[in-house]
C-alpha cells in the first residue's frame, strides 16, 4: 500500500488532553493506525479533517450591526510531545 495520502504537516504537537494532534487534527489512534488503514479509511479521515478545517475557517463578521450567528471553535492549546 502506498503512503501518498496523509494530512501530516510535520508540526506534531498534542492538545492538552493528549488525544489530538494540533498540527494535522488526527487522533492518536488515527496516527498510530495510519499505515495499516486502507485508502478508503484514510480518505474518510481526510474528509473529516477537511470538514473540520472548513468549519474552523468560517470568519466572524466584525460588523456590530450583524445579526448573523458566528461560528467559533475553541482554541486547542498545543502541547509538545517529548521524544525519547
Protein backbone atom coordinates (compact mmCIF):
# COMPACT_ATOMS: atom_id res chain seq x y z
CA UNK A 1 0.00 0.00 0.00
CA UNK A 2 1.35 3.41 -0.90
CA UNK A 3 1.66 6.09 1.73
CA UNK A 4 0.75 9.02 -0.53
CA UNK A 5 -2.37 10.27 1.24
CA UNK A 6 -1.53 11.93 4.55
CA UNK A 7 -2.66 15.04 6.44
CA UNK A 8 0.66 15.27 8.29
CA UNK A 9 2.12 18.78 8.19
CA UNK A 10 5.23 17.91 10.24
CA UNK A 11 4.03 20.06 13.17
CA UNK A 12 3.46 17.35 15.73
CA UNK A 13 2.00 18.66 18.96
CA UNK A 14 -0.80 17.26 21.09
CA UNK A 15 -3.71 19.14 22.57
CA UNK A 16 -3.86 19.49 26.36
CA UNK A 17 -5.82 16.27 26.70
CA UNK A 18 -3.11 14.46 24.74
CA UNK A 19 -5.62 12.97 22.31
CA UNK A 20 -5.43 15.04 19.10
CA UNK A 21 -2.50 16.37 17.09
CA UNK A 22 -2.91 20.12 16.73
CA UNK A 23 -0.82 20.04 13.55
CA UNK A 24 -2.88 17.63 11.45
CA UNK A 25 -6.02 17.17 13.56
CA UNK A 26 -5.84 13.38 13.74
CA UNK A 27 -6.47 11.42 16.91
CA UNK A 28 -3.67 9.35 18.38
CA UNK A 29 -5.49 6.22 17.19
CA UNK A 30 -5.63 7.54 13.64
CA UNK A 31 -1.95 8.44 13.71
CA UNK A 32 -0.96 5.07 15.14
CA UNK A 33 -3.07 3.11 12.66
CA UNK A 34 -2.37 5.26 9.60
CA UNK A 35 -0.03 2.80 7.87
CA UNK A 36 -2.47 -0.07 8.41
CA UNK A 37 -5.53 1.85 7.16
CA UNK A 38 -6.95 1.20 3.72
CA UNK A 39 -7.07 4.06 1.22
CA UNK A 40 -10.85 4.34 1.87
CA UNK A 41 -10.28 4.64 5.64
CA UNK A 42 -7.62 7.30 5.06
CA UNK A 43 -9.89 9.15 2.66
CA UNK A 44 -12.68 9.22 5.28
CA UNK A 45 -10.27 10.68 7.85
CA UNK A 46 -9.08 13.25 5.30
CA UNK A 47 -12.70 14.22 4.53
CA UNK A 48 -13.45 14.63 8.25
CA UNK A 49 -10.35 16.80 8.65
CA UNK A 50 -11.31 18.90 5.60
CA UNK A 51 -14.81 19.44 7.03
CA UNK A 52 -13.39 20.44 10.39
CA UNK A 53 -10.95 22.85 8.69
CA UNK A 54 -13.77 24.40 6.66
CA UNK A 55 -15.79 24.98 9.82
CA UNK A 56 -12.76 26.44 11.61
CA UNK A 57 -12.09 28.93 8.83
CA UNK A 58 -15.56 30.46 8.90
CA UNK A 59 -14.66 34.04 9.68
CA UNK A 60 -16.60 36.15 12.10
CA UNK A 61 -18.36 39.23 10.75
CA UNK A 62 -16.88 42.09 12.75
CA UNK A 63 -19.74 44.45 11.93
CA UNK A 64 -21.60 45.30 15.15
CA UNK A 65 -24.86 45.52 13.17
CA UNK A 66 -24.59 41.93 12.03
CA UNK A 67 -27.12 39.53 13.45
CA UNK A 68 -25.67 36.51 11.69
CA UNK A 69 -24.58 33.74 14.05
CA UNK A 70 -20.85 33.44 14.44
CA UNK A 71 -19.27 30.03 14.45
CA UNK A 72 -16.17 29.86 16.57
CA UNK A 73 -14.23 26.82 17.62
CA UNK A 74 -12.38 26.83 20.92
CA UNK A 75 -8.67 27.16 20.55
CA UNK A 76 -6.75 23.99 21.28
CA UNK A 77 -3.51 24.86 23.02
CA UNK A 78 -0.60 22.85 21.74
CA UNK A 79 1.50 20.66 23.97
CA UNK A 80 4.81 19.46 22.61
CA UNK A 81 5.26 15.75 22.82
CA UNK A 82 8.51 14.68 24.42
CA UNK A 83 10.61 12.42 22.26
CA UNK A 84 12.63 9.52 23.65
